[in-house]
N, C-alpha and C. Protein backbone atom coordinates (compact mmCIF):
# COMPACT_ATOMS: atom_id res chain seq x y z
N MET A 1 -52.14 46.65 103.50
CA MET A 1 -53.30 46.15 104.21
C MET A 1 -53.01 44.78 104.75
N ALA A 2 -53.36 44.58 106.04
CA ALA A 2 -53.07 43.23 106.67
C ALA A 2 -54.08 42.29 106.19
N ALA A 3 -53.68 41.07 106.10
CA ALA A 3 -54.56 39.94 105.71
C ALA A 3 -55.47 39.66 106.88
N PRO A 4 -56.76 39.32 106.58
CA PRO A 4 -57.73 39.06 107.64
C PRO A 4 -57.20 37.84 108.47
N THR A 5 -57.56 37.92 109.72
CA THR A 5 -57.24 36.80 110.59
C THR A 5 -58.22 35.65 110.39
N LYS A 6 -57.82 34.50 110.92
CA LYS A 6 -58.73 33.31 110.78
C LYS A 6 -60.12 33.59 111.32
N ASN A 7 -60.13 34.29 112.56
CA ASN A 7 -61.41 34.56 113.22
C ASN A 7 -62.20 35.52 112.38
N LYS A 8 -61.62 36.51 111.73
CA LYS A 8 -62.43 37.42 110.91
C LYS A 8 -62.94 36.70 109.64
N GLU A 9 -62.06 35.82 109.06
CA GLU A 9 -62.55 35.06 107.94
C GLU A 9 -63.71 34.18 108.28
N SER A 10 -63.59 33.50 109.44
CA SER A 10 -64.62 32.67 109.85
C SER A 10 -66.01 33.44 110.08
N ALA A 11 -65.86 34.63 110.64
CA ALA A 11 -67.03 35.39 110.97
C ALA A 11 -67.64 35.83 109.63
N LEU A 12 -66.79 36.26 108.66
CA LEU A 12 -67.30 36.67 107.34
C LEU A 12 -67.97 35.53 106.64
N ASP A 13 -67.41 34.30 106.76
CA ASP A 13 -67.97 33.13 106.19
C ASP A 13 -69.36 32.76 106.75
N ALA A 14 -69.40 32.94 108.07
CA ALA A 14 -70.69 32.69 108.75
C ALA A 14 -71.83 33.68 108.33
N LYS A 15 -71.38 34.93 108.17
CA LYS A 15 -72.40 35.96 107.73
C LYS A 15 -72.89 35.65 106.30
N LYS A 16 -71.89 35.32 105.42
CA LYS A 16 -72.28 35.07 104.04
C LYS A 16 -73.13 33.81 103.97
N ALA A 17 -72.85 32.79 104.78
CA ALA A 17 -73.74 31.56 104.79
C ALA A 17 -75.12 31.85 105.20
N LYS A 18 -75.35 32.71 106.18
CA LYS A 18 -76.70 33.14 106.60
C LYS A 18 -77.46 33.85 105.44
N VAL A 19 -76.75 34.64 104.70
CA VAL A 19 -77.39 35.33 103.60
C VAL A 19 -77.69 34.38 102.57
N ILE A 20 -76.74 33.52 102.18
CA ILE A 20 -77.02 32.54 101.12
C ILE A 20 -78.24 31.70 101.47
N GLU A 21 -78.32 31.27 102.74
CA GLU A 21 -79.44 30.49 103.22
C GLU A 21 -80.80 31.14 102.95
N VAL A 22 -80.93 32.41 103.28
CA VAL A 22 -82.22 33.14 103.08
C VAL A 22 -82.44 33.39 101.57
N LEU A 23 -81.39 33.62 100.82
CA LEU A 23 -81.60 33.76 99.39
C LEU A 23 -82.08 32.48 98.77
N ASN A 24 -81.55 31.31 99.21
CA ASN A 24 -82.02 30.07 98.66
C ASN A 24 -83.41 29.76 99.15
N LYS A 25 -83.76 30.10 100.36
CA LYS A 25 -85.13 29.91 100.83
C LYS A 25 -86.11 30.72 99.98
N ALA A 26 -85.70 31.97 99.67
CA ALA A 26 -86.59 32.81 98.82
C ALA A 26 -86.67 32.31 97.42
N ARG A 27 -85.51 31.83 96.92
CA ARG A 27 -85.64 31.22 95.59
C ARG A 27 -86.58 30.00 95.53
N ALA A 28 -86.48 29.14 96.54
CA ALA A 28 -87.42 28.04 96.55
C ALA A 28 -88.89 28.51 96.66
N MET A 29 -89.16 29.53 97.33
CA MET A 29 -90.51 30.03 97.46
C MET A 29 -90.98 30.61 96.05
N GLU A 30 -90.00 31.22 95.38
CA GLU A 30 -90.30 31.79 93.98
C GLU A 30 -90.59 30.57 93.02
N LEU A 31 -89.79 29.62 93.11
CA LEU A 31 -90.04 28.50 92.22
C LEU A 31 -91.45 27.85 92.41
N PHE A 32 -91.85 27.71 93.70
CA PHE A 32 -93.18 27.28 94.00
C PHE A 32 -94.22 28.20 93.33
N ALA A 33 -94.08 29.48 93.56
CA ALA A 33 -95.05 30.53 93.01
C ALA A 33 -95.18 30.39 91.54
N ILE A 34 -94.02 30.26 90.89
CA ILE A 34 -94.03 30.12 89.40
C ILE A 34 -94.93 28.98 89.04
N HIS A 35 -94.74 27.77 89.62
CA HIS A 35 -95.49 26.62 89.19
C HIS A 35 -96.93 26.75 89.58
N GLN A 36 -97.21 27.34 90.83
CA GLN A 36 -98.60 27.42 91.24
C GLN A 36 -99.33 28.40 90.30
N TYR A 37 -98.76 29.52 90.05
CA TYR A 37 -99.42 30.54 89.29
C TYR A 37 -99.56 30.19 87.79
N MET A 38 -98.59 29.44 87.24
CA MET A 38 -98.75 28.99 85.89
C MET A 38 -99.84 27.93 85.80
N ASN A 39 -99.99 27.04 86.84
CA ASN A 39 -100.99 26.03 86.80
C ASN A 39 -102.35 26.76 86.87
N GLN A 40 -102.46 27.74 87.60
CA GLN A 40 -103.67 28.56 87.73
C GLN A 40 -103.98 29.25 86.41
N HIS A 41 -102.98 29.82 85.86
CA HIS A 41 -103.07 30.48 84.49
C HIS A 41 -103.72 29.50 83.57
N TYR A 42 -103.25 28.30 83.42
CA TYR A 42 -103.86 27.26 82.50
C TYR A 42 -105.25 27.00 82.94
N ASN A 43 -105.58 26.85 84.18
CA ASN A 43 -106.99 26.57 84.62
C ASN A 43 -107.89 27.68 84.28
N LEU A 44 -107.38 28.99 84.57
CA LEU A 44 -108.26 30.08 84.23
C LEU A 44 -108.55 30.22 82.73
N ASP A 45 -107.48 29.92 82.00
CA ASP A 45 -107.69 30.03 80.56
C ASP A 45 -108.63 28.92 80.07
N ASP A 46 -108.56 27.73 80.66
CA ASP A 46 -109.43 26.66 80.25
C ASP A 46 -110.90 26.96 80.69
N GLN A 47 -111.02 27.73 81.74
CA GLN A 47 -112.40 28.13 82.22
C GLN A 47 -112.88 29.40 81.46
N ASP A 48 -112.13 29.88 80.46
CA ASP A 48 -112.48 30.98 79.58
C ASP A 48 -112.45 32.36 80.34
N TYR A 49 -111.59 32.46 81.35
CA TYR A 49 -111.38 33.71 82.01
C TYR A 49 -110.08 34.36 81.53
N GLY A 50 -110.19 34.85 80.22
CA GLY A 50 -109.00 35.37 79.54
C GLY A 50 -108.21 36.45 80.31
N GLU A 51 -108.92 37.48 80.78
CA GLU A 51 -108.26 38.56 81.41
C GLU A 51 -107.55 38.13 82.70
N LEU A 52 -108.31 37.34 83.53
CA LEU A 52 -107.73 36.78 84.77
C LEU A 52 -106.51 35.81 84.44
N ALA A 53 -106.63 35.00 83.40
CA ALA A 53 -105.57 34.10 83.00
C ALA A 53 -104.26 34.89 82.57
N ALA A 54 -104.52 35.98 81.81
CA ALA A 54 -103.41 36.80 81.30
C ALA A 54 -102.70 37.44 82.48
N LYS A 55 -103.36 37.93 83.42
CA LYS A 55 -102.70 38.59 84.62
C LYS A 55 -102.01 37.54 85.46
N MET A 56 -102.56 36.36 85.57
CA MET A 56 -101.82 35.26 86.31
C MET A 56 -100.58 34.91 85.63
N ARG A 57 -100.60 34.79 84.34
CA ARG A 57 -99.32 34.53 83.58
C ARG A 57 -98.34 35.60 83.82
N ALA A 58 -98.75 36.89 83.78
CA ALA A 58 -97.83 37.98 83.96
C ALA A 58 -97.18 37.90 85.32
N ILE A 59 -97.93 37.60 86.33
CA ILE A 59 -97.44 37.53 87.67
C ILE A 59 -96.48 36.31 87.81
N SER A 60 -96.75 35.30 87.17
CA SER A 60 -95.84 34.11 87.17
C SER A 60 -94.50 34.52 86.54
N ILE A 61 -94.55 35.27 85.52
CA ILE A 61 -93.32 35.79 84.89
C ILE A 61 -92.54 36.72 85.81
N ASP A 62 -93.24 37.50 86.60
CA ASP A 62 -92.60 38.32 87.57
C ASP A 62 -91.88 37.42 88.64
N GLU A 63 -92.52 36.38 88.97
CA GLU A 63 -91.85 35.40 89.92
C GLU A 63 -90.70 34.78 89.38
N MET A 64 -90.69 34.48 88.02
CA MET A 64 -89.52 33.93 87.32
C MET A 64 -88.38 34.87 87.43
N ARG A 65 -88.63 36.16 87.21
CA ARG A 65 -87.63 37.21 87.27
C ARG A 65 -87.00 37.26 88.72
N HIS A 66 -87.84 37.18 89.75
CA HIS A 66 -87.41 37.16 91.13
C HIS A 66 -86.52 36.01 91.41
N ALA A 67 -86.91 34.81 90.96
CA ALA A 67 -86.08 33.58 91.11
C ALA A 67 -84.77 33.73 90.51
N GLU A 68 -84.71 34.37 89.36
CA GLU A 68 -83.43 34.67 88.62
C GLU A 68 -82.61 35.73 89.36
N TRP A 69 -83.22 36.69 89.89
CA TRP A 69 -82.41 37.66 90.78
C TRP A 69 -81.74 36.99 91.96
N PHE A 70 -82.56 36.18 92.61
CA PHE A 70 -82.01 35.44 93.79
C PHE A 70 -80.92 34.47 93.32
N ALA A 71 -81.09 33.80 92.23
CA ALA A 71 -80.06 32.88 91.70
C ALA A 71 -78.74 33.64 91.37
N GLU A 72 -78.85 34.73 90.69
CA GLU A 72 -77.75 35.52 90.31
C GLU A 72 -76.96 36.00 91.53
N ARG A 73 -77.69 36.43 92.61
CA ARG A 73 -77.02 36.91 93.81
C ARG A 73 -76.37 35.71 94.48
N ILE A 74 -76.97 34.55 94.54
CA ILE A 74 -76.38 33.43 95.15
C ILE A 74 -75.05 33.04 94.44
N LYS A 75 -75.10 33.01 93.14
CA LYS A 75 -73.92 32.74 92.35
C LYS A 75 -72.85 33.79 92.61
N ASP A 76 -73.25 35.05 92.73
CA ASP A 76 -72.26 36.14 93.03
C ASP A 76 -71.54 35.88 94.35
N LEU A 77 -72.20 35.20 95.34
CA LEU A 77 -71.75 34.96 96.61
C LEU A 77 -70.96 33.61 96.60
N GLY A 78 -70.88 32.96 95.41
CA GLY A 78 -70.03 31.70 95.29
C GLY A 78 -70.74 30.43 95.71
N ALA A 79 -72.08 30.48 95.67
CA ALA A 79 -72.85 29.32 96.11
C ALA A 79 -73.67 28.81 94.90
N GLU A 80 -74.36 27.76 95.09
CA GLU A 80 -75.26 27.11 94.14
C GLU A 80 -76.77 27.37 94.45
N PRO A 81 -77.50 27.94 93.56
CA PRO A 81 -78.89 28.22 93.76
C PRO A 81 -79.67 26.90 93.85
N THR A 82 -80.68 26.86 94.71
CA THR A 82 -81.49 25.71 94.84
C THR A 82 -82.39 25.58 93.58
N SER A 83 -82.70 24.36 93.28
CA SER A 83 -83.64 24.05 92.22
C SER A 83 -84.96 23.48 92.78
N GLN A 84 -85.01 23.32 94.04
CA GLN A 84 -86.14 22.71 94.79
C GLN A 84 -87.16 23.84 95.01
N MET A 85 -88.41 23.57 94.84
CA MET A 85 -89.46 24.49 95.22
C MET A 85 -90.03 24.17 96.58
N ASP A 86 -90.43 25.24 97.25
CA ASP A 86 -90.88 25.22 98.58
C ASP A 86 -92.45 25.18 98.58
N GLY A 87 -93.12 23.99 98.68
CA GLY A 87 -94.50 24.00 98.70
C GLY A 87 -95.05 22.86 97.80
N SER A 88 -96.34 22.56 97.98
CA SER A 88 -97.06 21.64 97.16
C SER A 88 -98.14 22.36 96.35
N LEU A 89 -98.18 22.05 95.03
CA LEU A 89 -99.17 22.68 94.23
C LEU A 89 -100.50 22.29 94.54
N LYS A 90 -101.49 23.21 94.40
CA LYS A 90 -102.88 22.92 94.49
C LYS A 90 -103.41 23.08 93.08
N LYS A 91 -103.89 21.93 92.59
CA LYS A 91 -104.38 21.86 91.19
C LYS A 91 -105.95 21.83 91.13
N GLY A 92 -106.45 22.19 89.95
CA GLY A 92 -107.79 22.00 89.66
C GLY A 92 -108.75 23.03 90.35
N GLN A 93 -108.17 24.11 90.78
CA GLN A 93 -109.01 25.12 91.45
C GLN A 93 -109.91 25.87 90.53
N LYS A 94 -111.02 26.29 91.16
CA LYS A 94 -111.99 27.18 90.40
C LYS A 94 -111.56 28.62 90.79
N ALA A 95 -112.01 29.56 89.96
CA ALA A 95 -111.54 31.00 90.12
C ALA A 95 -111.91 31.50 91.58
N ARG A 96 -112.98 31.04 92.12
CA ARG A 96 -113.32 31.54 93.51
C ARG A 96 -112.25 31.06 94.51
N GLU A 97 -111.64 29.94 94.26
CA GLU A 97 -110.68 29.50 95.26
C GLU A 97 -109.28 29.99 95.07
N ILE A 98 -108.94 30.39 93.91
CA ILE A 98 -107.61 30.85 93.54
C ILE A 98 -107.14 32.06 94.36
N TYR A 99 -107.91 33.10 94.34
CA TYR A 99 -107.47 34.41 94.79
C TYR A 99 -107.28 34.55 96.26
N PRO A 100 -108.20 34.03 97.07
CA PRO A 100 -107.91 34.03 98.55
C PRO A 100 -106.55 33.21 98.89
N LEU A 101 -106.40 32.04 98.19
CA LEU A 101 -105.21 31.28 98.40
C LEU A 101 -103.95 32.06 98.05
N ASP A 102 -104.01 32.70 96.86
CA ASP A 102 -102.80 33.45 96.39
C ASP A 102 -102.52 34.65 97.18
N ALA A 103 -103.56 35.34 97.68
CA ALA A 103 -103.37 36.42 98.62
C ALA A 103 -102.64 35.97 99.85
N ASP A 104 -103.07 34.81 100.40
CA ASP A 104 -102.35 34.26 101.51
C ASP A 104 -100.91 33.88 101.26
N ILE A 105 -100.67 33.31 100.10
CA ILE A 105 -99.28 32.94 99.68
C ILE A 105 -98.40 34.26 99.67
N GLU A 106 -98.97 35.38 99.05
CA GLU A 106 -98.15 36.55 98.94
C GLU A 106 -97.99 37.17 100.37
N ASP A 107 -99.00 37.12 101.11
CA ASP A 107 -98.96 37.72 102.50
C ASP A 107 -97.84 37.03 103.27
N GLU A 108 -97.80 35.70 103.26
CA GLU A 108 -96.75 34.89 103.90
C GLU A 108 -95.36 35.20 103.31
N THR A 109 -95.35 35.35 102.01
CA THR A 109 -94.05 35.69 101.33
C THR A 109 -93.56 37.05 101.81
N LEU A 110 -94.44 38.02 101.85
CA LEU A 110 -94.02 39.38 102.39
C LEU A 110 -93.48 39.29 103.76
N ALA A 111 -94.13 38.58 104.62
CA ALA A 111 -93.65 38.45 106.03
C ALA A 111 -92.23 37.84 106.02
N LYS A 112 -92.03 36.72 105.24
CA LYS A 112 -90.77 36.01 105.25
C LYS A 112 -89.65 36.93 104.61
N TYR A 113 -90.07 37.58 103.52
CA TYR A 113 -88.98 38.34 102.80
C TYR A 113 -88.58 39.57 103.68
N ASN A 114 -89.43 40.12 104.52
CA ASN A 114 -89.08 41.16 105.41
C ASN A 114 -88.19 40.65 106.49
N GLU A 115 -88.33 39.42 106.92
CA GLU A 115 -87.39 38.72 107.86
C GLU A 115 -86.06 38.51 107.13
N PHE A 116 -86.08 38.10 105.90
CA PHE A 116 -84.87 37.76 105.18
C PHE A 116 -84.13 39.06 104.88
N LEU A 117 -84.83 40.19 104.66
CA LEU A 117 -84.22 41.49 104.45
C LEU A 117 -83.39 41.83 105.67
N LYS A 118 -84.00 41.67 106.87
CA LYS A 118 -83.30 41.91 108.17
C LYS A 118 -82.08 41.08 108.26
N VAL A 119 -82.13 39.80 107.91
CA VAL A 119 -80.90 38.97 107.96
C VAL A 119 -79.81 39.49 107.12
N CYS A 120 -80.13 39.99 105.91
CA CYS A 120 -79.13 40.54 105.02
C CYS A 120 -78.51 41.83 105.69
N ARG A 121 -79.30 42.66 106.21
CA ARG A 121 -78.89 43.91 106.91
C ARG A 121 -78.00 43.59 108.05
N GLU A 122 -78.42 42.62 108.86
CA GLU A 122 -77.67 42.28 110.13
C GLU A 122 -76.35 41.63 109.77
N ASN A 123 -76.22 41.09 108.63
CA ASN A 123 -74.97 40.51 108.12
C ASN A 123 -74.20 41.34 107.17
N ASP A 124 -74.58 42.58 107.10
CA ASP A 124 -73.84 43.59 106.32
C ASP A 124 -73.79 43.26 104.85
N ASP A 125 -74.87 42.66 104.36
CA ASP A 125 -74.90 42.42 102.87
C ASP A 125 -76.04 43.25 102.25
N TYR A 126 -75.67 44.47 101.96
CA TYR A 126 -76.66 45.43 101.48
C TYR A 126 -77.05 45.26 100.00
N VAL A 127 -76.23 44.53 99.27
CA VAL A 127 -76.58 44.22 97.89
C VAL A 127 -77.69 43.20 97.94
N SER A 128 -77.56 42.13 98.76
CA SER A 128 -78.73 41.18 98.89
C SER A 128 -79.92 41.89 99.47
N ALA A 129 -79.75 42.74 100.36
CA ALA A 129 -80.87 43.46 100.99
C ALA A 129 -81.61 44.23 99.95
N ASN A 130 -80.84 44.87 98.93
CA ASN A 130 -81.47 45.58 97.86
C ASN A 130 -82.26 44.67 96.97
N VAL A 131 -81.84 43.48 96.75
CA VAL A 131 -82.60 42.50 95.94
C VAL A 131 -83.96 42.21 96.64
N PHE A 132 -83.88 41.98 97.99
CA PHE A 132 -85.12 41.73 98.68
C PHE A 132 -86.03 42.96 98.63
N GLU A 133 -85.50 44.16 98.79
CA GLU A 133 -86.33 45.34 98.70
C GLU A 133 -87.01 45.55 97.44
N ARG A 134 -86.38 45.21 96.27
CA ARG A 134 -86.97 45.26 94.96
C ARG A 134 -88.14 44.26 94.87
N VAL A 135 -87.87 43.11 95.33
CA VAL A 135 -88.80 42.01 95.24
C VAL A 135 -89.99 42.26 96.10
N ILE A 136 -89.83 42.79 97.28
CA ILE A 136 -90.89 43.06 98.24
C ILE A 136 -91.91 44.00 97.64
N VAL A 137 -91.41 45.02 96.90
CA VAL A 137 -92.31 46.02 96.27
C VAL A 137 -93.24 45.32 95.28
N GLU A 138 -92.67 44.32 94.45
CA GLU A 138 -93.50 43.67 93.47
C GLU A 138 -94.44 42.62 94.17
N GLU A 139 -93.95 42.03 95.19
CA GLU A 139 -94.81 41.04 95.94
C GLU A 139 -95.99 41.77 96.55
N GLN A 140 -95.74 42.93 97.03
CA GLN A 140 -96.89 43.79 97.57
C GLN A 140 -97.91 44.01 96.49
N ALA A 141 -97.47 44.35 95.29
CA ALA A 141 -98.44 44.61 94.25
C ALA A 141 -99.15 43.28 93.86
N HIS A 142 -98.56 42.10 93.92
CA HIS A 142 -99.23 40.91 93.69
C HIS A 142 -100.26 40.65 94.73
N PHE A 143 -99.79 40.83 96.01
CA PHE A 143 -100.83 40.64 97.10
C PHE A 143 -102.04 41.56 96.93
N ASP A 144 -101.78 42.79 96.58
CA ASP A 144 -102.96 43.72 96.39
C ASP A 144 -103.89 43.27 95.31
N TYR A 145 -103.28 42.82 94.11
CA TYR A 145 -104.08 42.35 93.12
C TYR A 145 -104.94 41.17 93.50
N PHE A 146 -104.29 40.15 94.11
CA PHE A 146 -105.00 38.89 94.59
C PHE A 146 -106.05 39.25 95.49
N ASP A 147 -105.78 40.03 96.55
CA ASP A 147 -106.75 40.48 97.58
C ASP A 147 -107.89 41.18 96.98
N ASP A 148 -107.62 42.15 96.11
CA ASP A 148 -108.68 42.94 95.50
C ASP A 148 -109.63 42.02 94.64
N THR A 149 -108.98 41.12 93.84
CA THR A 149 -109.73 40.15 93.01
C THR A 149 -110.59 39.27 93.85
N ALA A 150 -110.01 38.74 95.00
CA ALA A 150 -110.81 37.88 95.88
C ALA A 150 -112.01 38.71 96.37
N THR A 151 -111.77 39.93 96.75
CA THR A 151 -112.89 40.77 97.29
C THR A 151 -113.91 41.01 96.24
N HIS A 152 -113.52 41.30 94.96
CA HIS A 152 -114.51 41.46 93.84
C HIS A 152 -115.34 40.19 93.73
N ILE A 153 -114.68 39.01 93.69
CA ILE A 153 -115.40 37.77 93.51
C ILE A 153 -116.32 37.53 94.66
N ARG A 154 -115.89 37.77 95.88
CA ARG A 154 -116.76 37.57 97.06
C ARG A 154 -117.94 38.49 97.09
N GLU A 155 -117.72 39.74 96.75
CA GLU A 155 -118.76 40.76 96.87
C GLU A 155 -119.65 40.81 95.55
N LEU A 156 -119.14 40.60 94.40
CA LEU A 156 -119.89 40.72 93.18
C LEU A 156 -120.22 39.32 92.61
N GLY A 157 -119.61 38.26 93.09
CA GLY A 157 -119.85 36.87 92.69
C GLY A 157 -119.92 36.66 91.23
N ASP A 158 -121.02 36.00 90.81
CA ASP A 158 -121.12 35.56 89.34
C ASP A 158 -121.13 36.70 88.40
N HIS A 159 -121.61 37.85 88.82
CA HIS A 159 -121.63 39.01 87.95
C HIS A 159 -120.17 39.43 87.57
N PHE A 160 -119.33 39.42 88.48
CA PHE A 160 -117.88 39.67 88.23
C PHE A 160 -117.26 38.62 87.38
N LEU A 161 -117.49 37.37 87.74
CA LEU A 161 -116.93 36.24 86.95
C LEU A 161 -117.44 36.22 85.53
N ALA A 162 -118.73 36.53 85.34
CA ALA A 162 -119.30 36.56 84.03
C ALA A 162 -118.64 37.64 83.17
N ARG A 163 -118.39 38.73 83.82
CA ARG A 163 -117.69 39.87 83.15
C ARG A 163 -116.31 39.45 82.73
N MET A 164 -115.65 38.54 83.54
CA MET A 164 -114.28 38.17 83.22
C MET A 164 -114.22 37.12 82.18
N ALA A 165 -115.28 36.39 82.04
CA ALA A 165 -115.38 35.30 81.00
C ALA A 165 -115.24 35.80 79.64
N SER A 166 -114.39 35.26 78.79
CA SER A 166 -114.00 35.63 77.42
C SER A 166 -113.53 37.20 77.42
N SER A 167 -113.01 37.62 78.45
CA SER A 167 -112.51 38.99 78.43
C SER A 167 -111.08 39.12 78.26
N GLY A 168 -110.65 39.10 77.03
CA GLY A 168 -109.15 39.25 76.77
C GLY A 168 -108.52 37.87 76.66
N ALA A 169 -107.50 37.85 75.81
CA ALA A 169 -106.84 36.56 75.50
C ALA A 169 -105.75 36.33 76.58
N ALA A 170 -105.40 35.14 76.88
CA ALA A 170 -104.33 34.85 77.77
C ALA A 170 -102.96 34.81 77.09
N ASP A 171 -102.99 35.05 75.76
CA ASP A 171 -101.72 35.07 75.05
C ASP A 171 -100.78 36.13 75.36
């Protein structure tokens, strides 16, 4: 088998660099989500919304797993995963404010991850594309939960929130 020419090597390096770039962007987004959702978990727990707090914690742990998947793939490609998060935390939110915000975060994430998935496919990295496909499925479930909860709070108001108060431990 003939050794790749300089032009082929350069083209392969450029393709790999594009994939690494979107993997690191996604990792930075996941790092932000981890911090945002854990902060909200603590707030919900402090406000005595045990069930909502527990679900927020579980979603944050999902985001930790996603960040790890992206980091592992970046390392497999010979690069260094970012440790910077993409975004500024919003702190001190009430339950009514959390869910519409988080639905928007997940909706934006889905749009970007679908773009990043295309970048992976266009650059013939189907392993990285598979990572994005797995994450997109889970992010869609997060969006659905946040959007549904925002709808319940908006339509049922205090009745829904009262039902959530002291409902299940956040442990």
